[in-house]
Amino acid sequence: MTKFPSRKRRFLTILLALTGIAITVAYAFCLGACSSLKGDILGIDLKYLGIFYMVVVLLLAWFRKSLLCLLLLAFGAGGEIFLIGYQVKIGIYCPYCLAFGATILLALAVNFTRNRKTLAAMTAAVGFLFFLLFFSGSTTPAYAAGPALPVFGRGPVEVRLYTDYFCGPCAAEDAEVISLVTELVEKNLIRVQFIDTPVHRETIRHAGYFFAALNAKHEFRQAVAARGALFEAAGKRSREG
């Protein structure tokens, strides 16, 4: 037995499919943290696959193909479980991706029936395995596709500092972290790479200023001075509202 009458289940499924499409379109224009998180299946960007997937779900619900709709949602749920695990593993979360996954899981709950639970579970496992085999993810910030991110120092250990100029905790800890990093770089114990994660939409612009400063003088101390100035400018902008 399903928890929802057929008409209500159909309406909710169509509504959730439209919500999923809207979320994916919004993700396509994202300039926040999600812009540093990319993924594809067999070379096809997930945002295009997401729109296509939700359109098919909508059509199946519209034409009352309940079994096919359930199987497609179960397959998608398996894929979303994998993608959520991927975000947990890398420690970067996209709110749009999580919201899209929530719509799939909710739609699956709406269409779930006890007499098909084994079939749904098997299909979800197939979805998980499919993403495990064919998903390719990237966490490179979007603006990094242009100039190469510079590396400073000659030490054997590579250190990557991920920060956002508008992040309060990042700004508070930056002076202490940079002091330690500077000491290790000068002793040739590490080589460091500064990576600006665009959590705040203005960070991409600040990252451009950072690269411009390095183009003027490609030195570690120039990078440190530029970062300090950009953190200060971001702090003033945040306080001014």
C-alpha atoms as a PDB file:
ATOM      1  CA  MET A   1       0.000   0.000   0.000  1.00  0.00           C
ATOM      2  CA  THR A   2       1.162   3.526  -0.745  1.00  0.00           C
ATOM      3  CA  LYS A   3       0.843   6.293   1.815  1.00  0.00           C
ATOM      4  CA  PHE A   4      -0.734   8.677  -0.722  1.00  0.00           C
ATOM      5  CA  PRO A   5      -3.805   8.367  -2.965  1.00  0.00           C
ATOM      6  CA  SER A   6      -2.952   8.074  -6.654  1.00  0.00           C
ATOM      7  CA  ARG A   7      -4.006  11.624  -7.558  1.00  0.00           C
ATOM      8  CA  LYS A   8      -2.153  13.206  -4.657  1.00  0.00           C
ATOM      9  CA  ARG A   9       0.947  11.084  -5.335  1.00  0.00           C
ATOM     10  CA  ARG A  10       0.931  12.172  -8.965  1.00  0.00           C
ATOM     11  CA  PHE A  11       0.545  15.851  -8.025  1.00  0.00           C
ATOM     12  CA  LEU A  12       3.353  15.742  -5.449  1.00  0.00           C
ATOM     13  CA  THR A  13       5.689  13.915  -7.842  1.00  0.00           C
ATOM     14  CA  ILE A  14       5.142  16.511 -10.574  1.00  0.00           C
ATOM     15  CA  LEU A  15       5.622  19.329  -8.051  1.00  0.00           C
ATOM     16  CA  LEU A  16       8.878  17.806  -6.775  1.00  0.00           C
ATOM     17  CA  ALA A  17      10.118  17.245 -10.333  1.00  0.00           C
ATOM     18  CA  LEU A  18       9.494  20.925 -11.141  1.00  0.00           C
ATOM     19  CA  THR A  19      11.277  21.864  -7.921  1.00  0.00           C
ATOM     20  CA  GLY A  20      14.258  19.715  -8.939  1.00  0.00           C
ATOM     21  CA  ILE A  21      14.395  21.418 -12.337  1.00  0.00           C
ATOM     22  CA  ALA A  22      14.290  24.860 -10.698  1.00  0.00           C
ATOM     23  CA  ILE A  23      17.081  23.895  -8.287  1.00  0.00           C
ATOM     24  CA  THR A  24      19.266  22.656 -11.144  1.00  0.00           C
ATOM     25  CA  VAL A  25      18.706  25.846 -13.156  1.00  0.00           C
ATOM     26  CA  ALA A  26      19.650  27.894 -10.084  1.00  0.00           C
ATOM     27  CA  TYR A  27      22.772  25.754  -9.649  1.00  0.00           C
ATOM     28  CA  ALA A  28      23.792  26.552 -13.238  1.00  0.00           C
ATOM     29  CA  PHE A  29      24.064  30.228 -12.250  1.00  0.00           C
ATOM     30  CA  CYS A  30      25.686  29.576  -8.871  1.00  0.00           C
ATOM     31  CA  LEU A  31      28.746  31.689  -8.008  1.00  0.00           C
ATOM     32  CA  GLY A  32      29.059  30.505  -4.417  1.00  0.00           C
ATOM     33  CA  ALA A  33      30.599  27.441  -2.827  1.00  0.00           C
ATOM     34  CA  CYS A  34      28.903  25.162  -5.357  1.00  0.00           C
ATOM     35  CA  SER A  35      30.934  26.710  -8.193  1.00  0.00           C
ATOM     36  CA  SER A  36      33.993  24.878  -6.849  1.00  0.00           C
ATOM     37  CA  LEU A  37      32.224  21.505  -6.951  1.00  0.00           C
ATOM     38  CA  LYS A  38      31.743  19.928 -10.365  1.00  0.00           C
ATOM     39  CA  GLY A  39      30.795  16.482 -11.579  1.00  0.00           C
ATOM     40  CA  ASP A  40      29.877  14.538 -14.685  1.00  0.00           C
ATOM     41  CA  ILE A  41      28.805  11.115 -15.860  1.00  0.00           C
ATOM     42  CA  LEU A  42      30.615   9.857 -18.954  1.00  0.00           C
ATOM     43  CA  GLY A  43      31.615  13.432 -19.761  1.00  0.00           C
ATOM     44  CA  ILE A  44      28.100  14.894 -19.434  1.00  0.00           C
ATOM     45  CA  ASP A  45      27.742  17.601 -16.786  1.00  0.00           C
ATOM     46  CA  LEU A  46      25.485  16.586 -13.891  1.00  0.00           C
ATOM     47  CA  LYS A  47      23.381  19.732 -14.132  1.00  0.00           C
ATOM     48  CA  TYR A  48      22.231  18.785 -17.639  1.00  0.00           C
ATOM     49  CA  LEU A  49      21.624  15.213 -16.574  1.00  0.00           C
ATOM     50  CA  GLY A  50      19.703  16.509 -13.560  1.00  0.00           C
ATOM     51  CA  ILE A  51      17.329  18.554 -15.704  1.00  0.00           C
ATOM     52  CA  PHE A  52      16.824  15.658 -18.132  1.00  0.00           C
ATOM     53  CA  TYR A  53      16.250  13.254 -15.227  1.00  0.00           C
ATOM     54  CA  MET A  54      13.584  15.439 -13.619  1.00  0.00           C
ATOM     55  CA  VAL A  55      11.836  16.015 -16.953  1.00  0.00           C
ATOM     56  CA  VAL A  56      11.574  12.242 -17.411  1.00  0.00           C
ATOM     57  CA  VAL A  57      10.248  11.841 -13.847  1.00  0.00           C
ATOM     58  CA  LEU A  58       7.667  14.534 -14.549  1.00  0.00           C
ATOM     59  CA  LEU A  59       6.534  12.844 -17.770  1.00  0.00           C
ATOM     60  CA  LEU A  60       6.286   9.427 -16.150  1.00  0.00           C
ATOM     61  CA  ALA A  61       4.174  10.896 -13.355  1.00  0.00           C
ATOM     62  CA  TRP A  62       2.047  12.855 -15.812  1.00  0.00           C
ATOM     63  CA  PHE A  63       1.284   9.747 -17.876  1.00  0.00           C
ATOM     64  CA  ARG A  64       0.736   7.648 -14.741  1.00  0.00           C
ATOM     65  CA  LYS A  65       3.631   5.233 -15.311  1.00  0.00           C
ATOM     66  CA  SER A  66       3.905   4.510 -11.596  1.00  0.00           C
ATOM     67  CA  LEU A  67       6.275   1.526 -11.732  1.00  0.00           C
ATOM     68  CA  LEU A  68       8.743   3.183 -14.114  1.00  0.00           C
ATOM     69  CA  CYS A  69       8.583   6.366 -12.056  1.00  0.00           C
ATOM     70  CA  LEU A  70       9.345   4.439  -8.863  1.00  0.00           C
ATOM     71  CA  LEU A  71      12.285   2.645 -10.461  1.00  0.00           C
ATOM     72  CA  LEU A  72      13.744   5.859 -11.868  1.00  0.00           C
ATOM     73  CA  LEU A  73      13.432   7.572  -8.495  1.00  0.00           C
ATOM     74  CA  ALA A  74      15.031   4.599  -6.740  1.00  0.00           C
ATOM     75  CA  PHE A  75      17.906   4.659  -9.244  1.00  0.00           C
ATOM     76  CA  GLY A  76      18.343   8.401  -8.652  1.00  0.00           C
ATOM     77  CA  ALA A  77      18.221   7.932  -4.888  1.00  0.00           C
ATOM     78  CA  GLY A  78      21.067   5.435  -5.105  1.00  0.00           C
ATOM     79  CA  GLY A  79      23.069   7.950  -7.127  1.00  0.00           C
ATOM     80  CA  GLU A  80      22.313  10.739  -4.654  1.00  0.00           C
ATOM     81  CA  ILE A  81      23.466   8.601  -1.742  1.00  0.00           C
ATOM     82  CA  PHE A  82      26.783   8.203  -3.552  1.00  0.00           C
ATOM     83  CA  LEU A  83      27.010  11.955  -4.290  1.00  0.00           C
ATOM     84  CA  ILE A  84      26.255  12.907  -0.695  1.00  0.00           C
ATOM     85  CA  GLY A  85      28.964  10.511   0.432  1.00  0.00           C
ATOM     86  CA  TYR A  86      31.332  12.126  -2.064  1.00  0.00           C
ATOM     87  CA  GLN A  87      30.667  15.569  -0.583  1.00  0.00           C
ATOM     88  CA  VAL A  88      31.195  14.247   2.930  1.00  0.00           C
ATOM     89  CA  LYS A  89      34.486  12.665   1.854  1.00  0.00           C
ATOM     90  CA  ILE A  90      35.938  15.827   0.271  1.00  0.00           C
ATOM     91  CA  GLY A  91      34.465  18.149   2.905  1.00  0.00           C
ATOM     92  CA  ILE A  92      32.823  20.524   0.381  1.00  0.00           C
ATOM     93  CA  TYR A  93      29.048  20.843   0.325  1.00  0.00           C
ATOM     94  CA  CYS A  94      26.824  22.317  -2.368  1.00  0.00           C
ATOM     95  CA  PRO A  95      23.420  23.425  -1.005  1.00  0.00           C
ATOM     96  CA  TYR A  96      21.858  23.118  -4.455  1.00  0.00           C
ATOM     97  CA  CYS A  97      23.127  19.553  -4.864  1.00  0.00           C
ATOM     98  CA  LEU A  98      21.830  18.609  -1.420  1.00  0.00           C
ATOM     99  CA  ALA A  99      18.456  20.226  -2.121  1.00  0.00           C
ATOM    100  CA  PHE A 100      18.215  18.368  -5.440  1.00  0.00           C
ATOM    101  CA  GLY A 101      18.995  15.112  -3.672  1.00  0.00           C
ATOM    102  CA  ALA A 102      16.306  15.875  -1.082  1.00  0.00           C
ATOM    103  CA  THR A 103      13.688  16.287  -3.841  1.00  0.00           C
ATOM    104  CA  ILE A 104      14.571  12.860  -5.231  1.00  0.00           C
ATOM    105  CA  LEU A 105      14.397  11.206  -1.824  1.00  0.00           C
ATOM    106  CA  LEU A 106      11.073  12.918  -1.063  1.00  0.00           C
ATOM    107  CA  ALA A 107       9.658  11.888  -4.427  1.00  0.00           C
ATOM    108  CA  LEU A 108      10.785   8.321  -3.771  1.00  0.00           C
ATOM    109  CA  ALA A 109       9.073   8.384  -0.381  1.00  0.00           C
ATOM    110  CA  VAL A 110       5.886   9.646  -2.024  1.00  0.00           C
ATOM    111  CA  ASN A 111       5.935   6.845  -4.614  1.00  0.00           C
ATOM    112  CA  PHE A 112       7.202   4.056  -2.365  1.00  0.00           C
ATOM    113  CA  THR A 113       5.042   0.961  -1.884  1.00  0.00           C
ATOM    114  CA  ARG A 114       5.813  -1.931   0.451  1.00  0.00           C
ATOM    115  CA  ASN A 115       5.077  -4.585  -2.141  1.00  0.00           C
ATOM    116  CA  ARG A 116       7.860  -3.161  -4.349  1.00  0.00           C
ATOM    117  CA  LYS A 117      10.431  -2.444  -1.660  1.00  0.00           C
ATOM    118  CA  THR A 118      12.811  -5.209  -2.796  1.00  0.00           C
ATOM    119  CA  LEU A 119      12.683  -4.031  -6.396  1.00  0.00           C
ATOM    120  CA  ALA A 120      13.231  -0.432  -5.274  1.00  0.00           C
ATOM    121  CA  ALA A 121      16.181  -1.411  -3.081  1.00  0.00           C
ATOM    122  CA  MET A 122      17.807  -3.369  -5.917  1.00  0.00           C
ATOM    123  CA  THR A 123      17.344  -0.455  -8.315  1.00  0.00           C
ATOM    124  CA  ALA A 124      18.827   1.972  -5.768  1.00  0.00           C
ATOM    125  CA  ALA A 125      21.854  -0.328  -5.453  1.00  0.00           C
ATOM    126  CA  VAL A 126      22.228  -0.286  -9.245  1.00  0.00           C
ATOM    127  CA  GLY A 127      22.095   3.522  -9.166  1.00  0.00           C
ATOM    128  CA  PHE A 128      24.768   3.672  -6.483  1.00  0.00           C
ATOM    129  CA  LEU A 129      27.003   1.269  -8.418  1.00  0.00           C
ATOM    130  CA  PHE A 130      26.457   3.196 -11.658  1.00  0.00           C
ATOM    131  CA  PHE A 131      27.643   6.447 -10.043  1.00  0.00           C
ATOM    132  CA  LEU A 132      30.510   4.663  -8.350  1.00  0.00           C
ATOM    133  CA  LEU A 133      31.750   3.426 -11.724  1.00  0.00           C
ATOM    134  CA  PHE A 134      31.055   6.385 -13.986  1.00  0.00           C
ATOM    135  CA  PHE A 135      31.012   9.546 -11.844  1.00  0.00           C
ATOM    136  CA  SER A 136      33.920  11.953 -12.195  1.00  0.00           C
ATOM    137  CA  GLY A 137      34.173  14.829  -9.709  1.00  0.00           C
ATOM    138  CA  SER A 138      36.300  17.944  -9.396  1.00  0.00           C
ATOM    139  CA  THR A 139      36.780  20.406  -6.545  1.00  0.00           C
ATOM    140  CA  THR A 140      38.866  22.969  -8.420  1.00  0.00           C
ATOM    141  CA  PRO A 141      37.433  26.484  -7.960  1.00  0.00           C
ATOM    142  CA  ALA A 142      35.793  27.758 -11.138  1.00  0.00           C
ATOM    143  CA  TYR A 143      38.113  30.718 -11.545  1.00  0.00           C
ATOM    144  CA  ALA A 144      41.143  28.427 -11.302  1.00  0.00           C
ATOM    145  CA  ALA A 145      40.475  27.231 -14.822  1.00  0.00           C
ATOM    146  CA  GLY A 146      42.269  30.368 -15.990  1.00  0.00           C
ATOM    147  CA  PRO A 147      45.732  31.083 -14.552  1.00  0.00           C
ATOM    148  CA  ALA A 148      47.523  28.210 -12.818  1.00  0.00           C
ATOM    149  CA  LEU A 149      47.548  28.366  -9.042  1.00  0.00           C
ATOM    150  CA  PRO A 150      51.083  29.295  -7.929  1.00  0.00           C
ATOM    151  CA  VAL A 151      53.112  27.186  -5.518  1.00  0.00           C
ATOM    152  CA  PHE A 152      55.605  28.799  -3.154  1.00  0.00           C
ATOM    153  CA  GLY A 153      58.562  27.094  -1.490  1.00  0.00           C
ATOM    154  CA  ARG A 154      60.710  24.089  -2.288  1.00  0.00           C
ATOM    155  CA  GLY A 155      59.954  21.751   0.599  1.00  0.00           C
ATOM    156  CA  PRO A 156      59.061  18.082   0.146  1.00  0.00           C
ATOM    157  CA  VAL A 157      55.588  18.486   1.684  1.00  0.00           C
ATOM    158  CA  GLU A 158      52.865  20.312  -0.243  1.00  0.00           C
ATOM    159  CA  VAL A 159      50.398  22.336   1.838  1.00  0.00           C
ATOM    160  CA  ARG A 160      47.188  23.766   0.420  1.00  0.00           C
ATOM    161  CA  LEU A 161      45.406  26.571   2.256  1.00  0.00           C
ATOM    162  CA  TYR A 162      41.706  26.826   1.406  1.00  0.00           C
ATOM    163  CA  THR A 163      40.236  30.136   2.550  1.00  0.00           C
ATOM    164  CA  ASP A 164      37.520  32.661   1.789  1.00  0.00           C
ATOM    165  CA  TYR A 165      38.248  36.375   2.256  1.00  0.00           C
ATOM    166  CA  PHE A 166      34.759  36.972   3.664  1.00  0.00           C
ATOM    167  CA  CYS A 167      35.013  34.091   6.160  1.00  0.00           C
ATOM    168  CA  GLY A 168      35.296  35.465   9.703  1.00  0.00           C
ATOM    169  CA  PRO A 169      37.115  32.460  11.222  1.00  0.00           C
ATOM    170  CA  CYS A 170      39.502  32.380   8.232  1.00  0.00           C
ATOM    171  CA  ALA A 171      40.387  36.032   8.763  1.00  0.00           C
ATOM    172  CA  ALA A 172      40.793  35.555  12.514  1.00  0.00           C
ATOM    173  CA  GLU A 173      43.220  32.658  12.134  1.00  0.00           C
ATOM    174  CA  ASP A 174      45.039  33.878   9.022  1.00  0.00           C
ATOM    175  CA  ALA A 175      47.826  35.843  10.768  1.00  0.00           C
ATOM    176  CA  GLU A 176      48.784  32.908  13.007  1.00  0.00           C
ATOM    177  CA  VAL A 177      48.596  30.390  10.162  1.00  0.00           C
ATOM    178  CA  ILE A 178      50.623  32.572   7.800  1.00  0.00           C
ATOM    179  CA  SER A 179      53.264  33.110  10.461  1.00  0.00           C
ATOM    180  CA  LEU A 180      53.747  29.345  10.807  1.00  0.00           C
ATOM    181  CA  VAL A 181      53.611  28.759   7.041  1.00  0.00           C
ATOM    182  CA  THR A 182      56.169  31.503   6.416  1.00  0.00           C
ATOM    183  CA  GLU A 183      58.579  29.916   8.859  1.00  0.00           C
ATOM    184  CA  LEU A 184      58.214  26.497   7.242  1.00  0.00           C
ATOM    185  CA  VAL A 185      58.573  27.880   3.705  1.00  0.00           C
ATOM    186  CA  GLU A 186      61.745  29.781   4.630  1.00  0.00           C
ATOM    187  CA  LYS A 187      63.207  26.602   6.107  1.00  0.00           C
ATOM    188  CA  ASN A 188      62.376  24.732   2.890  1.00  0.00           C
ATOM    189  CA  LEU A 189      60.218  22.259   4.791  1.00  0.00           C
ATOM    190  CA  ILE A 190      57.041  22.825   2.789  1.00  0.00           C
ATOM    191  CA  ARG A 191      55.731  24.293  -0.422  1.00  0.00           C
ATOM    192  CA  VAL A 192      52.401  26.104  -0.140  1.00  0.00           C
ATOM    193  CA  GLN A 193      49.536  26.777  -2.486  1.00  0.00           C
ATOM    194  CA  PHE A 194      46.847  29.374  -1.695  1.00  0.00           C
ATOM    195  CA  ILE A 195      43.386  28.363  -2.920  1.00  0.00           C
ATOM    196  CA  ASP A 196      40.468  30.772  -2.609  1.00  0.00           C
ATOM    197  CA  THR A 197      37.203  28.873  -2.138  1.00  0.00           C
ATOM    198  CA  PRO A 198      34.352  31.084  -3.418  1.00  0.00           C
ATOM    199  CA  VAL A 199      31.851  30.609  -0.590  1.00  0.00           C
ATOM    200  CA  HIS A 200      30.957  34.307  -0.797  1.00  0.00           C
ATOM    201  CA  ARG A 201      30.061  35.594  -4.259  1.00  0.00           C
ATOM    202  CA  GLU A 202      32.500  38.523  -3.956  1.00  0.00           C
ATOM    203  CA  THR A 203      35.431  36.164  -3.342  1.00  0.00           C
ATOM    204  CA  ILE A 204      35.853  35.423  -7.055  1.00  0.00           C
ATOM    205  CA  ARG A 205      36.504  39.124  -7.664  1.00  0.00           C
ATOM    206  CA  HIS A 206      39.006  39.229  -4.790  1.00  0.00           C
ATOM    207  CA  ALA A 207      40.716  36.147  -6.207  1.00  0.00           C
ATOM    208  CA  GLY A 208      41.207  38.081  -9.430  1.00  0.00           C
ATOM    209  CA  TYR A 209      42.893  40.857  -7.449  1.00  0.00           C
ATOM    210  CA  PHE A 210      45.143  38.243  -5.832  1.00  0.00           C
ATOM    211  CA  PHE A 211      46.276  36.933  -9.214  1.00  0.00           C
ATOM    212  CA  ALA A 212      46.849  40.500 -10.441  1.00  0.00           C
ATOM    213  CA  ALA A 213      49.115  41.160  -7.438  1.00  0.00           C
ATOM    214  CA  LEU A 214      51.120  38.020  -8.195  1.00  0.00           C
ATOM    215  CA  ASN A 215      51.451  38.979 -11.852  1.00  0.00           C
ATOM    216  CA  ALA A 216      53.066  42.212 -10.692  1.00  0.00           C
ATOM    217  CA  LYS A 217      55.499  40.395  -8.411  1.00  0.00           C
ATOM    218  CA  HIS A 218      55.540  36.603  -8.198  1.00  0.00           C
ATOM    219  CA  GLU A 219      56.963  36.134  -4.709  1.00  0.00           C
ATOM    220  CA  PHE A 220      55.783  34.472  -1.523  1.00  0.00           C
ATOM    221  CA  ARG A 221      55.867  37.672   0.522  1.00  0.00           C
ATOM    222  CA  GLN A 222      53.901  39.457  -2.204  1.00  0.00           C
ATOM    223  CA  ALA A 223      51.265  36.725  -1.963  1.00  0.00           C
ATOM    224  CA  VAL A 224      51.127  37.056   1.834  1.00  0.00           C
ATOM    225  CA  ALA A 225      50.833  40.860   1.624  1.00  0.00           C
ATOM    226  CA  ALA A 226      48.104  40.625  -1.032  1.00  0.00           C
ATOM    227  CA  ARG A 227      46.127  38.123   1.048  1.00  0.00           C
ATOM    228  CA  GLY A 228      46.374  40.349   4.105  1.00  0.00           C
ATOM    229  CA  ALA A 229      45.145  43.381   2.168  1.00  0.00           C
ATOM    230  CA  LEU A 230      42.269  41.419   0.648  1.00  0.00           C
ATOM    231  CA  PHE A 231      41.196  40.023   4.028  1.00  0.00           C
ATOM    232  CA  GLU A 232      41.226  43.571   5.418  1.00  0.00           C
ATOM    233  CA  ALA A 233      39.208  44.916   2.487  1.00  0.00           C
ATOM    234  CA  ALA A 234      36.686  42.084   2.797  1.00  0.00           C
ATOM    235  CA  GLY A 235      36.333  42.746   6.528  1.00  0.00           C
ATOM    236  CA  LYS A 236      35.602  46.422   5.922  1.00  0.00           C
ATOM    237  CA  ARG A 237      33.066  45.577   3.230  1.00  0.00           C
ATOM    238  CA  SER A 238      31.308  43.100   5.537  1.00  0.00           C
ATOM    239  CA  ARG A 239      31.117  45.639   8.371  1.00  0.00           C
ATOM    240  CA  GLU A 240      29.697  48.273   6.023  1.00  0.00           C
ATOM    241  CA  GLY A 241      26.945  45.843   5.141  1.00  0.00           C
END
